[in-house]
Amino acid sequence: MCNSVRYAGREYQSPRELAQLVGGVDHLVWLDNRPGEMNSCLCPVDLEATLGHAGFRWERGADPMEWTAFKGT
C-alpha cells in the first residue's frame, strides 16, 4: 500500500491530486528534489514538507501510510 492524505472527507492518492490541495504542482516537495510522475503514488513526495509549507498540520493513522491533514491551529 502507498501513502495517502485525507482532508475534509477526501482522499488524495497521487501527486496530481495532492497538488490540488496544496495550491499547485509548484508546492509539492519531492524527496529526491526533482519532479516525479504526477499520476504515480505519493511515495516520492515529501509529505511532511509539502503539507507543512502549505500550512497544514497532520497526523499519521494506525497505518503509517495514511496521513490526515488539518488546517489552522
N, C-alpha and C. Protein backbone atom coordinates (compact mmCIF):
# COMPACT_ATOMS: atom_id res chain seq x y z
N MET A 1 0.83 -1.17 0.00
CA MET A 1 0.00 0.00 0.00
C MET A 1 0.89 1.24 0.00
N CYS A 2 0.41 2.30 -0.62
CA CYS A 2 1.17 3.54 -0.73
C CYS A 2 0.55 4.63 0.16
N ASN A 3 1.29 5.72 0.31
CA ASN A 3 0.82 6.86 1.10
C ASN A 3 -0.46 7.44 0.53
N SER A 4 -1.28 7.95 1.44
CA SER A 4 -2.47 8.72 1.05
C SER A 4 -2.67 9.81 2.09
N VAL A 5 -3.32 10.90 1.66
CA VAL A 5 -3.62 12.02 2.56
C VAL A 5 -5.12 12.23 2.55
N ARG A 6 -5.70 12.35 3.73
CA ARG A 6 -7.13 12.64 3.86
C ARG A 6 -7.29 14.05 4.39
N TYR A 7 -8.23 14.76 3.77
CA TYR A 7 -8.56 16.11 4.23
C TYR A 7 -9.99 16.42 3.85
N ALA A 8 -10.77 16.86 4.81
CA ALA A 8 -12.16 17.30 4.59
C ALA A 8 -12.97 16.26 3.82
N GLY A 9 -12.84 14.99 4.21
CA GLY A 9 -13.64 13.94 3.62
C GLY A 9 -13.16 13.43 2.27
N ARG A 10 -12.02 13.92 1.79
CA ARG A 10 -11.49 13.48 0.51
C ARG A 10 -10.14 12.81 0.71
N GLU A 11 -9.83 11.82 -0.12
CA GLU A 11 -8.55 11.14 -0.05
C GLU A 11 -7.73 11.48 -1.30
N TYR A 12 -6.49 11.87 -1.07
CA TYR A 12 -5.56 12.24 -2.15
C TYR A 12 -4.51 11.13 -2.26
N GLN A 13 -4.39 10.54 -3.45
CA GLN A 13 -3.51 9.38 -3.60
C GLN A 13 -2.42 9.56 -4.64
N SER A 14 -2.43 10.64 -5.38
CA SER A 14 -1.39 10.87 -6.39
C SER A 14 -0.86 12.30 -6.24
N PRO A 15 0.33 12.58 -6.75
CA PRO A 15 0.84 13.94 -6.72
C PRO A 15 -0.10 14.93 -7.42
N ARG A 16 -0.72 14.52 -8.50
CA ARG A 16 -1.66 15.40 -9.21
C ARG A 16 -2.83 15.80 -8.30
N GLU A 17 -3.37 14.83 -7.58
CA GLU A 17 -4.47 15.11 -6.65
C GLU A 17 -3.99 15.98 -5.49
N LEU A 18 -2.85 15.65 -4.92
CA LEU A 18 -2.33 16.41 -3.78
C LEU A 18 -2.03 17.86 -4.17
N ALA A 19 -1.58 18.08 -5.39
CA ALA A 19 -1.29 19.44 -5.87
C ALA A 19 -2.54 20.31 -5.79
N GLN A 20 -3.70 19.73 -6.01
CA GLN A 20 -4.94 20.50 -5.90
C GLN A 20 -5.16 20.98 -4.47
N LEU A 21 -4.76 20.19 -3.50
CA LEU A 21 -4.95 20.53 -2.10
C LEU A 21 -3.96 21.60 -1.64
N VAL A 22 -2.72 21.51 -2.09
CA VAL A 22 -1.66 22.38 -1.55
C VAL A 22 -1.39 23.63 -2.38
N GLY A 23 -2.17 23.86 -3.41
CA GLY A 23 -2.03 25.11 -4.15
C GLY A 23 -1.27 25.02 -5.46
N GLY A 24 -1.08 23.82 -5.97
CA GLY A 24 -0.46 23.66 -7.28
C GLY A 24 0.78 22.80 -7.25
N VAL A 25 1.19 22.40 -8.43
CA VAL A 25 2.33 21.50 -8.61
C VAL A 25 3.61 22.09 -8.02
N ASP A 26 3.77 23.40 -8.12
CA ASP A 26 4.98 24.05 -7.61
C ASP A 26 5.10 23.96 -6.09
N HIS A 27 4.04 23.57 -5.42
CA HIS A 27 4.06 23.47 -3.95
C HIS A 27 4.36 22.06 -3.46
N LEU A 28 4.53 21.12 -4.38
CA LEU A 28 4.92 19.76 -3.99
C LEU A 28 6.42 19.74 -3.70
N VAL A 29 6.82 19.05 -2.63
CA VAL A 29 8.22 18.87 -2.30
C VAL A 29 8.55 17.40 -2.54
N TRP A 30 9.51 17.18 -3.43
CA TRP A 30 9.88 15.81 -3.82
C TRP A 30 11.06 15.33 -2.98
N LEU A 31 11.05 14.07 -2.61
CA LEU A 31 12.11 13.51 -1.79
C LEU A 31 13.47 13.57 -2.48
N ASP A 32 13.51 13.42 -3.78
CA ASP A 32 14.80 13.45 -4.49
C ASP A 32 15.03 14.79 -5.19
N ASN A 33 14.28 15.82 -4.80
CA ASN A 33 14.44 17.19 -5.31
C ASN A 33 14.22 17.33 -6.81
N ARG A 34 13.51 16.41 -7.41
CA ARG A 34 13.13 16.56 -8.81
C ARG A 34 11.74 15.98 -8.99
N PRO A 35 10.95 16.61 -9.83
CA PRO A 35 9.56 16.15 -10.00
C PRO A 35 9.47 14.69 -10.43
N GLY A 36 8.50 14.02 -9.87
CA GLY A 36 8.21 12.65 -10.24
C GLY A 36 7.00 12.58 -11.15
N GLU A 37 6.55 11.39 -11.41
CA GLU A 37 5.36 11.15 -12.25
C GLU A 37 4.13 11.64 -11.50
N MET A 38 3.35 12.48 -12.14
CA MET A 38 2.20 13.12 -11.48
C MET A 38 1.05 12.16 -11.21
N ASN A 39 0.98 11.05 -11.92
CA ASN A 39 -0.11 10.09 -11.72
C ASN A 39 0.32 8.88 -10.91
N SER A 40 1.53 8.93 -10.35
CA SER A 40 2.01 7.81 -9.54
C SER A 40 1.46 7.92 -8.12
N CYS A 41 1.95 7.08 -7.25
CA CYS A 41 1.57 7.16 -5.85
C CYS A 41 2.31 8.33 -5.19
N LEU A 42 2.01 8.58 -3.93
CA LEU A 42 2.62 9.70 -3.20
C LEU A 42 3.98 9.37 -2.58
N CYS A 43 4.48 8.16 -2.77
CA CYS A 43 5.73 7.76 -2.13
C CYS A 43 6.91 8.69 -2.46
N PRO A 44 7.05 9.24 -3.67
CA PRO A 44 8.19 10.14 -3.94
C PRO A 44 8.01 11.57 -3.40
N VAL A 45 6.86 11.87 -2.80
CA VAL A 45 6.59 13.22 -2.30
C VAL A 45 6.95 13.28 -0.81
N ASP A 46 7.66 14.33 -0.41
CA ASP A 46 7.95 14.57 0.99
C ASP A 46 6.68 15.17 1.60
N LEU A 47 5.86 14.32 2.18
CA LEU A 47 4.55 14.76 2.66
C LEU A 47 4.66 15.72 3.84
N GLU A 48 5.59 15.51 4.75
CA GLU A 48 5.76 16.42 5.87
C GLU A 48 6.06 17.83 5.37
N ALA A 49 7.01 17.95 4.46
CA ALA A 49 7.40 19.26 3.95
C ALA A 49 6.29 19.86 3.09
N THR A 50 5.67 19.07 2.24
CA THR A 50 4.62 19.58 1.35
C THR A 50 3.44 20.10 2.16
N LEU A 51 2.97 19.32 3.12
CA LEU A 51 1.83 19.75 3.93
C LEU A 51 2.20 20.92 4.83
N GLY A 52 3.38 20.88 5.41
CA GLY A 52 3.82 21.95 6.29
C GLY A 52 3.95 23.28 5.56
N HIS A 53 4.55 23.27 4.38
CA HIS A 53 4.71 24.50 3.60
C HIS A 53 3.36 25.06 3.16
N ALA A 54 2.37 24.20 3.02
CA ALA A 54 1.04 24.64 2.60
C ALA A 54 0.17 25.07 3.80
N GLY A 55 0.75 25.04 5.01
CA GLY A 55 0.02 25.49 6.18
C GLY A 55 -0.86 24.45 6.85
N PHE A 56 -0.61 23.18 6.56
CA PHE A 56 -1.38 22.10 7.17
C PHE A 56 -0.61 21.51 8.34
N ARG A 57 -1.36 21.06 9.33
CA ARG A 57 -0.85 20.16 10.35
C ARG A 57 -1.27 18.76 9.89
N TRP A 58 -0.67 17.75 10.43
CA TRP A 58 -1.03 16.40 10.01
C TRP A 58 -0.79 15.42 11.15
N GLU A 59 -1.41 14.27 11.01
CA GLU A 59 -1.11 13.15 11.89
C GLU A 59 -1.19 11.89 11.05
N ARG A 60 -0.48 10.90 11.50
CA ARG A 60 -0.48 9.62 10.81
C ARG A 60 -1.39 8.67 11.58
N GLY A 61 -2.09 7.83 10.83
CA GLY A 61 -3.03 6.91 11.45
C GLY A 61 -2.35 5.66 11.97
N ALA A 62 -3.16 4.67 12.33
CA ALA A 62 -2.63 3.38 12.78
C ALA A 62 -1.77 2.77 11.68
N ASP A 63 -2.16 3.00 10.43
CA ASP A 63 -1.35 2.62 9.28
C ASP A 63 -0.46 3.83 8.97
N PRO A 64 0.86 3.71 9.11
CA PRO A 64 1.73 4.87 8.92
C PRO A 64 1.72 5.45 7.50
N MET A 65 1.08 4.77 6.58
CA MET A 65 0.98 5.27 5.20
C MET A 65 -0.23 6.18 5.03
N GLU A 66 -1.10 6.24 6.03
CA GLU A 66 -2.30 7.08 5.97
C GLU A 66 -2.07 8.36 6.76
N TRP A 67 -2.14 9.49 6.09
CA TRP A 67 -1.95 10.80 6.69
C TRP A 67 -3.29 11.52 6.73
N THR A 68 -3.56 12.23 7.81
CA THR A 68 -4.74 13.08 7.89
C THR A 68 -4.25 14.51 8.06
N ALA A 69 -4.71 15.41 7.20
CA ALA A 69 -4.28 16.81 7.23
C ALA A 69 -5.34 17.67 7.88
N PHE A 70 -4.89 18.73 8.56
CA PHE A 70 -5.76 19.68 9.25
C PHE A 70 -5.28 21.09 8.93
N LYS A 71 -6.20 22.02 8.78
CA LYS A 71 -5.86 23.43 8.59
C LYS A 71 -6.08 24.16 9.91
N GLY A 72 -5.29 25.19 10.16
CA GLY A 72 -5.47 26.00 11.34
C GLY A 72 -4.70 25.49 12.53
N THR A 73 -5.01 26.03 13.69
CA THR A 73 -4.26 25.67 14.90
C THR A 73 -4.88 24.53 15.65
